[in-house]
């Protein structure tokens, strides 16, 4: 999909690999739920449908995937509700994030690094949601999403084919 971006595709995929699979207090599945949530907020069907399958591959419950798709963050455990509320603010009004927003997340038990991880995930998906939507890329079939979900969960976002 990113092959026509004048060489930027590998860089984007490496960035996604770092955002979604590097060590974090948030599990890979939780980061995928954030991706689904943000992609849904941004109206990017391609992304929210495919990343719902990645989240499912990581063992996230269907109820949580549906909550992320519908934006009903009250379905999440309280501690995650704080993160999803913060993620929405990053996506919709990043300029209005205050020290109090960060303090609220920290007082809920999240580490400062985790808050930065959320910003990273939201920023990645905000960029790609816009690229995909503006380019008119259509969602995969249901089977295509399932296969993509399995592939990403098993292989990651970036494969360095030069070393093979």
N, C-alpha and C. Protein backbone atom coordinates (compact mmCIF):
# COMPACT_ATOMS: atom_id res chain seq x y z
N UNK A 1 0.82 -1.19 0.00
CA UNK A 1 0.00 0.00 0.00
C UNK A 1 0.86 1.26 0.00
N UNK A 2 1.98 1.26 0.70
CA UNK A 2 2.79 2.46 0.82
C UNK A 2 3.89 2.54 -0.24
N UNK A 3 3.88 1.63 -1.21
CA UNK A 3 4.97 1.56 -2.18
C UNK A 3 5.04 2.77 -3.11
N UNK A 4 3.97 3.53 -3.23
CA UNK A 4 3.95 4.68 -4.14
C UNK A 4 4.22 6.00 -3.43
N UNK A 5 4.75 5.96 -2.25
CA UNK A 5 4.97 7.19 -1.48
C UNK A 5 6.43 7.65 -1.59
N UNK A 6 7.01 7.50 -2.77
CA UNK A 6 8.35 8.00 -3.05
C UNK A 6 9.37 7.56 -2.01
N UNK A 7 9.35 6.29 -1.69
CA UNK A 7 10.33 5.74 -0.77
C UNK A 7 9.99 5.85 0.70
N UNK A 8 8.88 6.49 1.03
CA UNK A 8 8.52 6.68 2.44
C UNK A 8 7.90 5.43 3.06
N UNK A 9 7.43 4.50 2.24
CA UNK A 9 6.75 3.32 2.76
C UNK A 9 7.52 2.57 3.83
N UNK A 10 8.79 2.19 3.56
CA UNK A 10 9.54 1.47 4.60
C UNK A 10 9.68 2.28 5.88
N UNK A 11 9.87 3.58 5.76
CA UNK A 11 10.00 4.41 6.97
C UNK A 11 8.72 4.41 7.78
N UNK A 12 7.59 4.49 7.08
CA UNK A 12 6.30 4.45 7.78
C UNK A 12 6.13 3.12 8.49
N UNK A 13 6.45 2.03 7.81
CA UNK A 13 6.29 0.71 8.41
C UNK A 13 7.24 0.49 9.58
N UNK A 14 8.47 0.99 9.49
CA UNK A 14 9.39 0.91 10.62
C UNK A 14 8.86 1.70 11.81
N UNK A 15 8.26 2.85 11.53
CA UNK A 15 7.68 3.66 12.60
C UNK A 15 6.53 2.92 13.26
N UNK A 16 5.69 2.29 12.45
CA UNK A 16 4.59 1.50 13.00
C UNK A 16 5.11 0.33 13.84
N UNK A 17 6.15 -0.31 13.37
CA UNK A 17 6.74 -1.41 14.12
C UNK A 17 7.16 -0.94 15.51
N UNK A 18 7.79 0.23 15.57
CA UNK A 18 8.22 0.78 16.85
C UNK A 18 7.02 1.15 17.73
N UNK A 19 6.04 1.80 17.15
CA UNK A 19 4.88 2.25 17.94
C UNK A 19 4.05 1.08 18.47
N UNK A 20 3.91 0.05 17.67
CA UNK A 20 2.95 -1.00 17.99
C UNK A 20 3.56 -2.25 18.62
N UNK A 21 4.88 -2.42 18.50
CA UNK A 21 5.46 -3.68 18.96
C UNK A 21 6.65 -3.53 19.91
N UNK A 22 7.11 -2.31 20.13
CA UNK A 22 8.21 -2.10 21.08
C UNK A 22 7.71 -2.37 22.50
N UNK A 23 8.62 -2.65 23.42
CA UNK A 23 8.19 -2.86 24.81
C UNK A 23 7.41 -1.65 25.33
N UNK A 24 6.33 -1.95 26.03
CA UNK A 24 5.45 -0.91 26.57
C UNK A 24 4.62 -1.49 27.69
N UNK A 25 4.19 -0.63 28.57
CA UNK A 25 3.24 -1.03 29.61
C UNK A 25 1.92 -1.48 28.97
N UNK A 26 1.61 -0.91 27.81
CA UNK A 26 0.43 -1.32 27.05
C UNK A 26 0.78 -2.57 26.24
N UNK A 27 -0.09 -3.53 26.28
CA UNK A 27 0.14 -4.73 25.48
C UNK A 27 0.00 -4.39 24.00
N UNK A 28 0.46 -5.28 23.16
CA UNK A 28 0.28 -5.10 21.72
C UNK A 28 -1.21 -5.03 21.38
N UNK A 29 -1.98 -5.88 22.03
CA UNK A 29 -3.43 -5.88 21.80
C UNK A 29 -4.09 -4.57 22.20
N UNK A 30 -3.66 -4.01 23.33
CA UNK A 30 -4.22 -2.72 23.77
C UNK A 30 -3.85 -1.61 22.80
N UNK A 31 -2.65 -1.65 22.28
CA UNK A 31 -2.26 -0.65 21.27
C UNK A 31 -3.07 -0.82 20.00
N UNK A 32 -3.37 -2.06 19.64
CA UNK A 32 -4.23 -2.29 18.47
C UNK A 32 -5.65 -1.77 18.73
N UNK A 33 -6.14 -1.93 19.95
CA UNK A 33 -7.46 -1.36 20.28
C UNK A 33 -7.44 0.16 20.15
N UNK A 34 -6.36 0.78 20.56
CA UNK A 34 -6.24 2.24 20.38
C UNK A 34 -6.25 2.56 18.89
N UNK A 35 -5.55 1.76 18.09
CA UNK A 35 -5.53 1.97 16.64
C UNK A 35 -6.93 1.86 16.05
N UNK A 36 -7.69 0.87 16.49
CA UNK A 36 -9.07 0.70 16.03
C UNK A 36 -9.91 1.92 16.44
N UNK A 37 -9.78 2.32 17.67
CA UNK A 37 -10.54 3.45 18.21
C UNK A 37 -10.24 4.74 17.44
N UNK A 38 -8.96 5.04 17.24
CA UNK A 38 -8.57 6.27 16.54
C UNK A 38 -8.99 6.19 15.07
N UNK A 39 -8.78 5.04 14.44
CA UNK A 39 -9.18 4.88 13.04
C UNK A 39 -10.68 5.03 12.88
N UNK A 40 -11.44 4.55 13.84
CA UNK A 40 -12.89 4.72 13.81
C UNK A 40 -13.26 6.19 13.98
N UNK A 41 -12.62 6.87 14.93
CA UNK A 41 -12.87 8.31 15.11
C UNK A 41 -12.58 9.07 13.82
N UNK A 42 -11.52 8.64 13.12
CA UNK A 42 -11.12 9.31 11.88
C UNK A 42 -11.89 8.82 10.66
N UNK A 43 -12.77 7.84 10.85
CA UNK A 43 -13.59 7.33 9.75
C UNK A 43 -12.82 6.53 8.71
N UNK A 44 -11.71 5.91 9.09
CA UNK A 44 -10.90 5.15 8.15
C UNK A 44 -11.27 3.66 8.24
N UNK A 45 -12.20 3.25 7.38
CA UNK A 45 -12.69 1.87 7.41
C UNK A 45 -11.58 0.86 7.15
N UNK A 46 -10.71 1.16 6.19
CA UNK A 46 -9.61 0.24 5.88
C UNK A 46 -8.83 -0.08 7.16
N UNK A 47 -8.47 0.95 7.90
CA UNK A 47 -7.64 0.75 9.10
C UNK A 47 -8.41 0.13 10.25
N UNK A 48 -9.63 0.62 10.53
CA UNK A 48 -10.30 0.07 11.70
C UNK A 48 -10.73 -1.36 11.50
N UNK A 49 -11.06 -1.74 10.27
CA UNK A 49 -11.45 -3.14 10.05
C UNK A 49 -10.23 -4.07 10.12
N UNK A 50 -9.13 -3.66 9.52
CA UNK A 50 -7.96 -4.55 9.54
C UNK A 50 -7.33 -4.63 10.93
N UNK A 51 -7.28 -3.52 11.64
CA UNK A 51 -6.65 -3.54 12.96
C UNK A 51 -7.55 -4.18 14.02
N UNK A 52 -8.84 -4.24 13.77
CA UNK A 52 -9.71 -5.02 14.65
C UNK A 52 -9.30 -6.49 14.61
N UNK A 53 -8.90 -6.94 13.43
CA UNK A 53 -8.47 -8.34 13.30
C UNK A 53 -7.11 -8.57 13.95
N UNK A 54 -6.24 -7.57 13.89
CA UNK A 54 -4.95 -7.71 14.60
C UNK A 54 -5.21 -7.81 16.10
N UNK A 55 -6.08 -6.94 16.61
CA UNK A 55 -6.42 -6.98 18.04
C UNK A 55 -7.00 -8.34 18.41
N UNK A 56 -7.84 -8.86 17.56
CA UNK A 56 -8.44 -10.18 17.81
C UNK A 56 -7.35 -11.26 17.85
N UNK A 57 -6.39 -11.18 16.96
CA UNK A 57 -5.28 -12.14 16.95
C UNK A 57 -4.47 -12.07 18.24
N UNK A 58 -4.39 -10.90 18.84
CA UNK A 58 -3.67 -10.74 20.11
C UNK A 58 -4.54 -11.14 21.31
N UNK A 59 -5.74 -11.61 21.04
CA UNK A 59 -6.58 -12.13 22.11
C UNK A 59 -7.51 -11.11 22.76
N UNK A 60 -7.65 -9.95 22.16
CA UNK A 60 -8.58 -8.96 22.73
C UNK A 60 -10.02 -9.43 22.52
N UNK A 61 -10.84 -9.23 23.53
CA UNK A 61 -12.22 -9.70 23.52
C UNK A 61 -13.05 -8.95 22.48
N UNK A 62 -13.99 -9.67 21.88
CA UNK A 62 -14.87 -9.05 20.89
C UNK A 62 -15.59 -7.84 21.44
N UNK A 63 -15.97 -7.89 22.73
CA UNK A 63 -16.69 -6.75 23.33
C UNK A 63 -15.81 -5.50 23.36
N UNK A 64 -14.52 -5.67 23.62
CA UNK A 64 -13.61 -4.53 23.63
C UNK A 64 -13.34 -4.02 22.23
N UNK A 65 -13.24 -4.91 21.27
CA UNK A 65 -13.06 -4.49 19.88
C UNK A 65 -14.29 -3.70 19.43
N UNK A 66 -15.47 -4.19 19.75
CA UNK A 66 -16.70 -3.46 19.40
C UNK A 66 -16.76 -2.12 20.10
N UNK A 67 -16.32 -2.06 21.35
CA UNK A 67 -16.30 -0.79 22.08
C UNK A 67 -15.36 0.20 21.39
N UNK A 68 -14.19 -0.28 20.95
CA UNK A 68 -13.25 0.59 20.25
C UNK A 68 -13.84 1.07 18.92
N UNK A 69 -14.51 0.17 18.22
CA UNK A 69 -15.13 0.54 16.94
C UNK A 69 -16.24 1.57 17.11
N UNK A 70 -17.00 1.43 18.18
CA UNK A 70 -18.15 2.32 18.39
C UNK A 70 -17.81 3.55 19.22
N UNK A 71 -16.62 3.58 19.79
CA UNK A 71 -16.22 4.73 20.59
C UNK A 71 -16.81 4.76 21.99
N UNK A 72 -17.32 3.61 22.45
CA UNK A 72 -17.92 3.53 23.79
C UNK A 72 -16.84 3.11 24.78
N UNK A 73 -16.08 4.09 25.25
CA UNK A 73 -14.94 3.76 26.10
C UNK A 73 -15.35 3.31 27.49
N UNK A 74 -16.60 3.52 27.88
CA UNK A 74 -17.06 3.07 29.19
C UNK A 74 -17.08 1.54 29.28
N UNK A 75 -16.94 0.85 28.16
CA UNK A 75 -16.88 -0.61 28.17
C UNK A 75 -15.51 -1.13 28.59
N UNK A 76 -14.52 -0.25 28.62
CA UNK A 76 -13.18 -0.64 28.99
C UNK A 76 -13.01 -0.57 30.51
N UNK A 77 -12.06 -1.34 31.05
CA UNK A 77 -11.75 -1.17 32.47
C UNK A 77 -11.39 0.29 32.74
N UNK A 78 -11.65 0.74 33.95
CA UNK A 78 -11.47 2.15 34.32
C UNK A 78 -10.09 2.69 33.94
N UNK A 79 -9.06 1.93 34.22
CA UNK A 79 -7.71 2.41 33.94
C UNK A 79 -7.52 2.64 32.43
N UNK A 80 -8.07 1.76 31.60
CA UNK A 80 -7.97 1.94 30.15
C UNK A 80 -8.87 3.08 29.65
N UNK A 81 -9.97 3.33 30.35
CA UNK A 81 -10.83 4.45 29.96
C UNK A 81 -10.06 5.76 29.97
N UNK A 82 -9.18 5.91 30.95
CA UNK A 82 -8.35 7.12 31.04
C UNK A 82 -7.48 7.24 29.79
N UNK A 83 -6.88 6.13 29.38
CA UNK A 83 -6.01 6.12 28.20
C UNK A 83 -6.79 6.42 26.94
N UNK A 84 -7.96 5.82 26.80
CA UNK A 84 -8.76 6.04 25.59
C UNK A 84 -9.29 7.47 25.53
N UNK A 85 -9.65 8.02 26.66
CA UNK A 85 -10.08 9.42 26.71
C UNK A 85 -8.92 10.33 26.31
N UNK A 86 -7.73 10.04 26.82
CA UNK A 86 -6.54 10.81 26.47
C UNK A 86 -6.24 10.66 24.97
N UNK A 87 -6.34 9.43 24.45
CA UNK A 87 -6.08 9.18 23.03
C UNK A 87 -7.03 9.99 22.16
N UNK A 88 -8.29 10.05 22.54
CA UNK A 88 -9.26 10.84 21.77
C UNK A 88 -8.87 12.31 21.76
N UNK A 89 -8.41 12.79 22.89
CA UNK A 89 -8.01 14.19 22.97
C UNK A 89 -6.78 14.45 22.10
N UNK A 90 -5.84 13.52 22.08
CA UNK A 90 -4.68 13.65 21.21
C UNK A 90 -5.12 13.73 19.75
N UNK A 91 -6.06 12.87 19.37
CA UNK A 91 -6.51 12.82 17.97
C UNK A 91 -7.33 14.05 17.57
N UNK A 92 -8.15 14.52 18.48
CA UNK A 92 -9.11 15.57 18.12
C UNK A 92 -8.67 16.97 18.52
N UNK A 93 -7.93 17.11 19.61
CA UNK A 93 -7.56 18.43 20.13
C UNK A 93 -6.20 18.40 20.81
N UNK A 94 -5.20 17.91 20.12
CA UNK A 94 -3.87 17.77 20.74
C UNK A 94 -3.36 19.08 21.32
N UNK A 95 -3.72 20.17 20.69
CA UNK A 95 -3.27 21.48 21.17
C UNK A 95 -3.82 21.83 22.55
N UNK A 96 -4.87 21.15 22.97
CA UNK A 96 -5.48 21.49 24.26
C UNK A 96 -5.07 20.55 25.39
N UNK A 97 -4.15 19.64 25.12
CA UNK A 97 -3.69 18.75 26.19
C UNK A 97 -2.93 19.57 27.22
N UNK A 98 -3.30 19.33 28.46
CA UNK A 98 -2.72 20.10 29.56
C UNK A 98 -1.89 19.21 30.48
N UNK A 99 -1.16 19.85 31.35
CA UNK A 99 -0.42 19.11 32.37
C UNK A 99 -1.38 18.31 33.24
N UNK A 100 -2.58 18.82 33.43
CA UNK A 100 -3.59 18.11 34.23
C UNK A 100 -4.02 16.81 33.56
N UNK A 101 -4.14 16.81 32.22
CA UNK A 101 -4.49 15.58 31.50
C UNK A 101 -3.43 14.50 31.75
N UNK A 102 -2.18 14.92 31.68
CA UNK A 102 -1.08 13.97 31.92
C UNK A 102 -1.06 13.54 33.38
N UNK A 103 -1.27 14.48 34.27
CA UNK A 103 -1.31 14.15 35.70
C UNK A 103 -2.44 13.18 36.01
N UNK A 104 -3.59 13.34 35.36
CA UNK A 104 -4.71 12.43 35.56
C UNK A 104 -4.34 11.00 35.17
N UNK A 105 -3.65 10.87 34.04
CA UNK A 105 -3.25 9.54 33.59
C UNK A 105 -2.22 8.93 34.54
N UNK A 106 -1.30 9.74 35.00
CA UNK A 106 -0.29 9.25 35.94
C UNK A 106 -0.95 8.86 37.26
N UNK A 107 -1.89 9.66 37.74
CA UNK A 107 -2.56 9.33 39.01
C UNK A 107 -3.44 8.09 38.88
N UNK A 108 -3.83 7.75 37.65
CA UNK A 108 -4.60 6.52 37.43
C UNK A 108 -3.68 5.29 37.39
N UNK A 109 -2.36 5.54 37.48
CA UNK A 109 -1.43 4.42 37.54
C UNK A 109 -0.60 4.20 36.29
N UNK A 110 -0.72 5.08 35.30
CA UNK A 110 0.06 4.93 34.08
C UNK A 110 1.40 5.63 34.22
N UNK A 111 2.40 5.08 33.59
CA UNK A 111 3.73 5.69 33.57
C UNK A 111 3.76 6.80 32.52
N UNK A 112 4.66 7.75 32.73
CA UNK A 112 4.80 8.83 31.76
C UNK A 112 5.18 8.28 30.38
N UNK A 113 6.03 7.25 30.34
CA UNK A 113 6.41 6.65 29.07
C UNK A 113 5.19 6.08 28.35
N UNK A 114 4.26 5.53 29.09
CA UNK A 114 3.05 4.96 28.48
C UNK A 114 2.22 6.05 27.84
N UNK A 115 2.16 7.20 28.47
CA UNK A 115 1.43 8.33 27.89
C UNK A 115 2.07 8.74 26.56
N UNK A 116 3.40 8.74 26.53
CA UNK A 116 4.09 9.01 25.26
C UNK A 116 3.84 7.92 24.24
N UNK A 117 3.75 6.67 24.69
CA UNK A 117 3.43 5.58 23.78
C UNK A 117 2.06 5.80 23.13
N UNK A 118 1.10 6.26 23.93
CA UNK A 118 -0.25 6.55 23.40
C UNK A 118 -0.18 7.66 22.35
N UNK A 119 0.56 8.71 22.65
CA UNK A 119 0.72 9.81 21.69
C UNK A 119 1.33 9.28 20.39
N UNK A 120 2.31 8.40 20.50
CA UNK A 120 2.98 7.83 19.33
C UNK A 120 1.99 7.01 18.49
N UNK A 121 1.23 6.13 19.13
CA UNK A 121 0.25 5.30 18.42
C UNK A 121 -0.80 6.18 17.74
N UNK A 122 -1.35 7.12 18.48
CA UNK A 122 -2.39 8.00 17.92
C UNK A 122 -1.83 8.80 16.74
N UNK A 123 -0.63 9.30 16.88
CA UNK A 123 -0.02 10.10 15.81
C UNK A 123 0.21 9.25 14.56
N UNK A 124 0.69 8.04 14.74
CA UNK A 124 0.89 7.14 13.59
C UNK A 124 -0.42 6.89 12.86
N UNK A 125 -1.44 6.57 13.61
CA UNK A 125 -2.71 6.25 12.96
C UNK A 125 -3.41 7.47 12.40
N UNK A 126 -3.24 8.61 13.01
CA UNK A 126 -3.81 9.82 12.44
C UNK A 126 -3.19 10.11 11.08
N UNK A 127 -1.88 9.91 10.96
CA UNK A 127 -1.21 10.10 9.68
C UNK A 127 -1.71 9.10 8.65
N UNK A 128 -1.65 7.83 8.98
CA UNK A 128 -2.00 6.80 8.00
C UNK A 128 -3.48 6.82 7.67
N UNK A 129 -4.34 7.11 8.64
CA UNK A 129 -5.77 7.21 8.33
C UNK A 129 -6.01 8.25 7.24
N UNK A 130 -5.30 9.36 7.33
CA UNK A 130 -5.46 10.41 6.33
C UNK A 130 -4.89 10.00 4.98
N UNK A 131 -3.73 9.35 4.98
CA UNK A 131 -3.16 8.86 3.73
C UNK A 131 -4.10 7.88 3.04
N UNK A 132 -4.59 6.92 3.79
CA UNK A 132 -5.46 5.88 3.24
C UNK A 132 -6.78 6.48 2.76
N UNK A 133 -7.39 7.32 3.57
CA UNK A 133 -8.67 7.91 3.20
C UNK A 133 -8.54 8.83 1.99
N UNK A 134 -7.53 9.70 1.99
CA UNK A 134 -7.37 10.64 0.89
C UNK A 134 -7.01 9.94 -0.41
N UNK A 135 -6.32 8.81 -0.31
CA UNK A 135 -5.96 8.04 -1.50
C UNK A 135 -7.11 7.17 -2.00
N UNK A 136 -8.20 7.12 -1.24
CA UNK A 136 -9.36 6.34 -1.65
C UNK A 136 -9.15 4.84 -1.58
N UNK A 137 -8.29 4.40 -0.70
CA UNK A 137 -8.02 2.96 -0.57
C UNK A 137 -9.21 2.28 0.09
N UNK A 138 -9.73 1.30 -0.59
CA UNK A 138 -10.91 0.58 -0.13
C UNK A 138 -10.53 -0.48 0.91
N UNK A 139 -11.45 -0.76 1.85
CA UNK A 139 -11.18 -1.81 2.84
C UNK A 139 -10.98 -3.17 2.17
N UNK A 140 -10.23 -4.01 2.84
CA UNK A 140 -10.06 -5.39 2.39
C UNK A 140 -11.36 -6.15 2.60
N UNK A 141 -11.45 -7.31 1.99
CA UNK A 141 -12.58 -8.21 2.27
C UNK A 141 -12.45 -8.70 3.71
N UNK A 142 -13.49 -9.30 4.24
CA UNK A 142 -13.41 -9.84 5.60
C UNK A 142 -12.28 -10.85 5.69
N UNK A 143 -12.16 -11.73 4.70
CA UNK A 143 -11.08 -12.71 4.71
C UNK A 143 -9.73 -12.03 4.60
N UNK A 144 -9.64 -10.99 3.79
CA UNK A 144 -8.39 -10.23 3.66
C UNK A 144 -7.98 -9.60 4.98
N UNK A 145 -8.96 -9.06 5.72
CA UNK A 145 -8.67 -8.48 7.04
C UNK A 145 -8.19 -9.54 8.01
N UNK A 146 -8.82 -10.70 7.98
CA UNK A 146 -8.41 -11.80 8.87
C UNK A 146 -6.97 -12.22 8.56
N UNK A 147 -6.66 -12.36 7.28
CA UNK A 147 -5.31 -12.75 6.89
C UNK A 147 -4.30 -11.66 7.27
N UNK A 148 -4.65 -10.40 7.04
CA UNK A 148 -3.76 -9.29 7.40
C UNK A 148 -3.54 -9.27 8.92
N UNK A 149 -4.61 -9.50 9.67
CA UNK A 149 -4.50 -9.52 11.13
C UNK A 149 -3.54 -10.60 11.61
N UNK A 150 -3.66 -11.78 11.03
CA UNK A 150 -2.75 -12.88 11.40
C UNK A 150 -1.32 -12.55 11.02
N UNK A 151 -1.14 -12.02 9.82
CA UNK A 151 0.21 -11.70 9.35
C UNK A 151 0.86 -10.66 10.26
N UNK A 152 0.17 -9.57 10.55
CA UNK A 152 0.76 -8.51 11.37
C UNK A 152 1.05 -9.02 12.78
N UNK A 153 0.12 -9.78 13.35
CA UNK A 153 0.34 -10.30 14.70
C UNK A 153 1.55 -11.23 14.75
N UNK A 154 1.75 -12.00 13.70
CA UNK A 154 2.85 -12.96 13.69
C UNK A 154 4.17 -12.36 13.19
N UNK A 155 4.10 -11.53 12.16
CA UNK A 155 5.31 -11.05 11.49
C UNK A 155 5.65 -9.59 11.78
N UNK A 156 4.69 -8.83 12.27
CA UNK A 156 4.94 -7.42 12.52
C UNK A 156 4.60 -6.55 11.33
N UNK A 157 4.92 -5.29 11.46
CA UNK A 157 4.60 -4.31 10.43
C UNK A 157 5.69 -4.17 9.38
N UNK A 158 6.91 -4.43 9.77
CA UNK A 158 8.03 -4.21 8.87
C UNK A 158 8.88 -5.46 8.81
N UNK A 159 9.15 -5.91 7.60
CA UNK A 159 10.04 -7.03 7.37
C UNK A 159 11.18 -6.51 6.50
N UNK A 160 12.39 -6.65 6.99
CA UNK A 160 13.56 -6.20 6.24
C UNK A 160 13.95 -7.28 5.25
N UNK A 161 13.45 -7.14 4.03
CA UNK A 161 13.70 -8.15 3.01
C UNK A 161 15.13 -8.14 2.48
N UNK A 162 15.87 -7.08 2.76
CA UNK A 162 17.25 -7.00 2.28
C UNK A 162 18.16 -7.99 2.99
N UNK A 163 17.80 -8.36 4.22
CA UNK A 163 18.67 -9.26 4.97
C UNK A 163 18.39 -10.72 4.67
N UNK A 164 17.44 -10.97 3.80
CA UNK A 164 17.08 -12.36 3.49
C UNK A 164 17.76 -12.83 2.23
